[in-house]
Amino acid sequence: MTDYERIRDLLAGYALLLDADDIDGCLELFTDDAEFAVFGRVLGGREKIRRMLTGAPRGVHLTGAQLIEVRDHTATARTQLLFVDAGTHEMRPALYDDELVVTDGAWRFRRRQCRFITTEGLRDTPQERVL
């Protein structure tokens, strides 16, 4: 299996584990000192990421096209995302920008940033709905 295939498995694994409510499995995909930037905050470490994931709305994370660049034992990835809220079916388009690293023989997230696609461009928060 190539690094690109392993990284694609990592990216898919995050979405599938999270959607199946396997928070522990999802957290194993991050380094111990990982950062997750979302909703204008940067969460450092697995415990803070755990609190964010367990408090987030449930739904489906549909991932799309990916750009992956590998440099030895580090990589970057950009992935399209469409989040569909399980309760409201509201959709939130976004992009993940990732910094990845090999630890203990496996690719892991060192930093993950989620930015939402709005009519004004990429933003830290989703576009507010106007009724």
C-alpha atoms as a PDB file:
ATOM      1  CA  MET A   1       0.000   0.000   0.000  1.00  0.00           C
ATOM      2  CA  THR A   2       1.371   3.453  -0.904  1.00  0.00           C
ATOM      3  CA  ASP A   3       1.503   6.506   1.350  1.00  0.00           C
ATOM      4  CA  TYR A   4      -1.281   8.067  -0.722  1.00  0.00           C
ATOM      5  CA  GLU A   5      -3.516   5.037  -0.140  1.00  0.00           C
ATOM      6  CA  ARG A   6      -2.739   5.065   3.601  1.00  0.00           C
ATOM      7  CA  ILE A   7      -3.542   8.759   3.807  1.00  0.00           C
ATOM      8  CA  ARG A   8      -6.818   8.285   1.914  1.00  0.00           C
ATOM      9  CA  ASP A   9      -7.693   5.536   4.410  1.00  0.00           C
ATOM     10  CA  LEU A  10      -6.903   7.950   7.266  1.00  0.00           C
ATOM     11  CA  LEU A  11      -9.138  10.659   5.789  1.00  0.00           C
ATOM     12  CA  ALA A  12     -12.008   8.215   5.171  1.00  0.00           C
ATOM     13  CA  GLY A  13     -11.502   6.580   8.555  1.00  0.00           C
ATOM     14  CA  TYR A  14     -12.011   9.873  10.372  1.00  0.00           C
ATOM     15  CA  ALA A  15     -15.391  10.480   8.714  1.00  0.00           C
ATOM     16  CA  LEU A  16     -16.613   6.904   9.056  1.00  0.00           C
ATOM     17  CA  LEU A  17     -15.523   6.458  12.677  1.00  0.00           C
ATOM     18  CA  LEU A  18     -17.012   9.803  13.676  1.00  0.00           C
ATOM     19  CA  ASP A  19     -20.317   9.047  11.928  1.00  0.00           C
ATOM     20  CA  ALA A  20     -20.461   5.659  13.684  1.00  0.00           C
ATOM     21  CA  ASP A  21     -19.945   7.499  17.023  1.00  0.00           C
ATOM     22  CA  ASP A  22     -16.606   5.723  17.591  1.00  0.00           C
ATOM     23  CA  ILE A  23     -14.906   8.689  19.254  1.00  0.00           C
ATOM     24  CA  ASP A  24     -12.074   6.575  20.717  1.00  0.00           C
ATOM     25  CA  GLY A  25     -11.290   5.108  17.299  1.00  0.00           C
ATOM     26  CA  CYS A  26     -11.407   8.568  15.760  1.00  0.00           C
ATOM     27  CA  LEU A  27      -9.018   9.980  18.376  1.00  0.00           C
ATOM     28  CA  GLU A  28      -6.480   7.237  17.620  1.00  0.00           C
ATOM     29  CA  LEU A  29      -6.071   8.893  14.207  1.00  0.00           C
ATOM     30  CA  PHE A  30      -4.537  11.987  15.893  1.00  0.00           C
ATOM     31  CA  THR A  31      -1.100  12.469  17.427  1.00  0.00           C
ATOM     32  CA  ASP A  32      -1.071  12.983  21.208  1.00  0.00           C
ATOM     33  CA  ASP A  33      -0.306  16.691  20.739  1.00  0.00           C
ATOM     34  CA  ALA A  34      -2.618  17.245  17.765  1.00  0.00           C
ATOM     35  CA  GLU A  35      -4.487  20.475  17.127  1.00  0.00           C
ATOM     36  CA  PHE A  36      -7.951  20.827  15.632  1.00  0.00           C
ATOM     37  CA  ALA A  37      -9.003  24.279  14.416  1.00  0.00           C
ATOM     38  CA  VAL A  38     -12.762  24.688  14.008  1.00  0.00           C
ATOM     39  CA  PHE A  39     -15.404  27.350  14.737  1.00  0.00           C
ATOM     40  CA  GLY A  40     -12.688  29.958  15.320  1.00  0.00           C
ATOM     41  CA  ARG A  41     -10.974  27.953  18.075  1.00  0.00           C
ATOM     42  CA  VAL A  42      -7.838  25.851  18.155  1.00  0.00           C
ATOM     43  CA  LEU A  43      -8.177  22.783  20.355  1.00  0.00           C
ATOM     44  CA  GLY A  44      -4.882  21.280  21.513  1.00  0.00           C
ATOM     45  CA  GLY A  45      -4.499  17.635  22.534  1.00  0.00           C
ATOM     46  CA  ARG A  46      -6.714  14.607  22.302  1.00  0.00           C
ATOM     47  CA  GLU A  47      -8.803  15.391  25.398  1.00  0.00           C
ATOM     48  CA  LYS A  48      -9.940  18.778  24.086  1.00  0.00           C
ATOM     49  CA  ILE A  49     -10.600  17.231  20.678  1.00  0.00           C
ATOM     50  CA  ARG A  50     -12.639  14.495  22.413  1.00  0.00           C
ATOM     51  CA  ARG A  51     -14.825  17.096  24.153  1.00  0.00           C
ATOM     52  CA  MET A  52     -15.451  18.873  20.848  1.00  0.00           C
ATOM     53  CA  LEU A  53     -16.308  15.652  18.993  1.00  0.00           C
ATOM     54  CA  THR A  54     -18.673  14.369  21.684  1.00  0.00           C
ATOM     55  CA  GLY A  55     -20.475  17.728  21.866  1.00  0.00           C
ATOM     56  CA  ALA A  56     -20.781  18.235  18.107  1.00  0.00           C
ATOM     57  CA  PRO A  57     -24.058  17.623  16.257  1.00  0.00           C
ATOM     58  CA  ARG A  58     -24.461  14.116  14.829  1.00  0.00           C
ATOM     59  CA  GLY A  59     -24.696  13.599  11.116  1.00  0.00           C
ATOM     60  CA  VAL A  60     -22.904  12.337   8.040  1.00  0.00           C
ATOM     61  CA  HIS A  61     -19.492  13.596   6.904  1.00  0.00           C
ATOM     62  CA  LEU A  62     -19.437  13.070   3.135  1.00  0.00           C
ATOM     63  CA  THR A  63     -15.891  13.522   1.899  1.00  0.00           C
ATOM     64  CA  GLY A  64     -15.084  14.357  -1.717  1.00  0.00           C
ATOM     65  CA  ALA A  65     -12.024  15.254  -3.740  1.00  0.00           C
ATOM     66  CA  GLN A  66      -8.638  15.221  -2.036  1.00  0.00           C
ATOM     67  CA  LEU A  67      -5.278  16.801  -2.771  1.00  0.00           C
ATOM     68  CA  ILE A  68      -2.424  15.058  -0.995  1.00  0.00           C
ATOM     69  CA  GLU A  69       1.257  16.046  -0.984  1.00  0.00           C
ATOM     70  CA  VAL A  70       3.736  13.674   0.674  1.00  0.00           C
ATOM     71  CA  ARG A  71       7.217  14.728   1.832  1.00  0.00           C
ATOM     72  CA  ASP A  72       9.047  11.832   3.499  1.00  0.00           C
ATOM     73  CA  HIS A  73       7.286  11.303   6.854  1.00  0.00           C
ATOM     74  CA  THR A  74       5.053  14.390   6.640  1.00  0.00           C
ATOM     75  CA  ALA A  75       2.211  15.292   4.313  1.00  0.00           C
ATOM     76  CA  THR A  76      -0.521  17.830   3.712  1.00  0.00           C
ATOM     77  CA  ALA A  77      -4.026  17.121   2.509  1.00  0.00           C
ATOM     78  CA  ARG A  78      -7.042  19.172   1.499  1.00  0.00           C
ATOM     79  CA  THR A  79     -10.398  17.406   1.423  1.00  0.00           C
ATOM     80  CA  GLN A  80     -13.883  18.516   0.457  1.00  0.00           C
ATOM     81  CA  LEU A  81     -16.573  17.847   3.034  1.00  0.00           C
ATOM     82  CA  LEU A  82     -20.336  18.045   3.058  1.00  0.00           C
ATOM     83  CA  PHE A  83     -21.768  17.653   6.553  1.00  0.00           C
ATOM     84  CA  VAL A  84     -25.453  16.688   6.736  1.00  0.00           C
ATOM     85  CA  ASP A  85     -26.985  17.250  10.168  1.00  0.00           C
ATOM     86  CA  ALA A  86     -28.889  14.128  11.300  1.00  0.00           C
ATOM     87  CA  GLY A  87     -31.643  16.106  13.027  1.00  0.00           C
ATOM     88  CA  THR A  88     -32.329  18.939  10.607  1.00  0.00           C
ATOM     89  CA  HIS A  89     -30.778  17.601   7.385  1.00  0.00           C
ATOM     90  CA  GLU A  90     -29.145  21.013   7.046  1.00  0.00           C
ATOM     91  CA  MET A  91     -26.007  20.808   4.905  1.00  0.00           C
ATOM     92  CA  ARG A  92     -22.705  22.528   5.630  1.00  0.00           C
ATOM     93  CA  PRO A  93     -20.053  22.488   2.877  1.00  0.00           C
ATOM     94  CA  ALA A  94     -16.488  22.751   4.159  1.00  0.00           C
ATOM     95  CA  LEU A  95     -12.834  22.032   3.497  1.00  0.00           C
ATOM     96  CA  TYR A  96     -10.422  20.166   5.759  1.00  0.00           C
ATOM     97  CA  ASP A  97      -6.778  21.254   5.593  1.00  0.00           C
ATOM     98  CA  ASP A  98      -4.518  18.741   7.286  1.00  0.00           C
ATOM     99  CA  GLU A  99      -0.919  18.414   8.385  1.00  0.00           C
ATOM    100  CA  LEU A 100      -0.081  14.724   8.682  1.00  0.00           C
ATOM    101  CA  VAL A 101       2.840  12.833  10.138  1.00  0.00           C
ATOM    102  CA  VAL A 102       3.935   9.202  10.423  1.00  0.00           C
ATOM    103  CA  THR A 103       4.057   8.014  14.042  1.00  0.00           C
ATOM    104  CA  ASP A 104       4.511   4.409  15.114  1.00  0.00           C
ATOM    105  CA  GLY A 105       4.381   3.370  11.447  1.00  0.00           C
ATOM    106  CA  ALA A 106       0.975   4.949  10.719  1.00  0.00           C
ATOM    107  CA  TRP A 107      -0.189   8.260   9.293  1.00  0.00           C
ATOM    108  CA  ARG A 108      -1.850  10.534  11.871  1.00  0.00           C
ATOM    109  CA  PHE A 109      -3.346  14.012  11.998  1.00  0.00           C
ATOM    110  CA  ARG A 110      -0.946  16.510  13.567  1.00  0.00           C
ATOM    111  CA  ARG A 111      -3.198  19.451  12.712  1.00  0.00           C
ATOM    112  CA  ARG A 112      -6.672  19.530  11.208  1.00  0.00           C
ATOM    113  CA  GLN A 113      -8.466  22.714  10.237  1.00  0.00           C
ATOM    114  CA  CYS A 114     -12.098  22.868   9.190  1.00  0.00           C
ATOM    115  CA  ARG A 115     -13.264  25.941   7.293  1.00  0.00           C
ATOM    116  CA  PHE A 116     -16.750  26.373   5.929  1.00  0.00           C
ATOM    117  CA  ILE A 117     -17.571  27.309   2.356  1.00  0.00           C
ATOM    118  CA  THR A 118     -19.887  30.344   2.403  1.00  0.00           C
ATOM    119  CA  THR A 119     -21.054  32.862  -0.162  1.00  0.00           C
ATOM    120  CA  GLU A 120     -18.295  35.154   1.205  1.00  0.00           C
ATOM    121  CA  GLY A 121     -15.588  32.469   0.801  1.00  0.00           C
ATOM    122  CA  LEU A 122     -13.909  30.226   3.381  1.00  0.00           C
ATOM    123  CA  ARG A 123     -14.895  31.086   6.940  1.00  0.00           C
ATOM    124  CA  ASP A 124     -14.278  29.683  10.432  1.00  0.00           C
ATOM    125  CA  THR A 125     -18.013  29.365  11.017  1.00  0.00           C
ATOM    126  CA  PRO A 126     -20.846  28.190   8.757  1.00  0.00           C
ATOM    127  CA  GLN A 127     -22.985  30.698   6.954  1.00  0.00           C
ATOM    128  CA  GLU A 128     -25.920  31.825   9.014  1.00  0.00           C
ATOM    129  CA  ARG A 129     -29.279  30.959   7.584  1.00  0.00           C
ATOM    130  CA  VAL A 130     -31.443  33.929   6.701  1.00  0.00           C
ATOM    131  CA  LEU A 131     -35.193  33.308   6.712  1.00  0.00           C
END
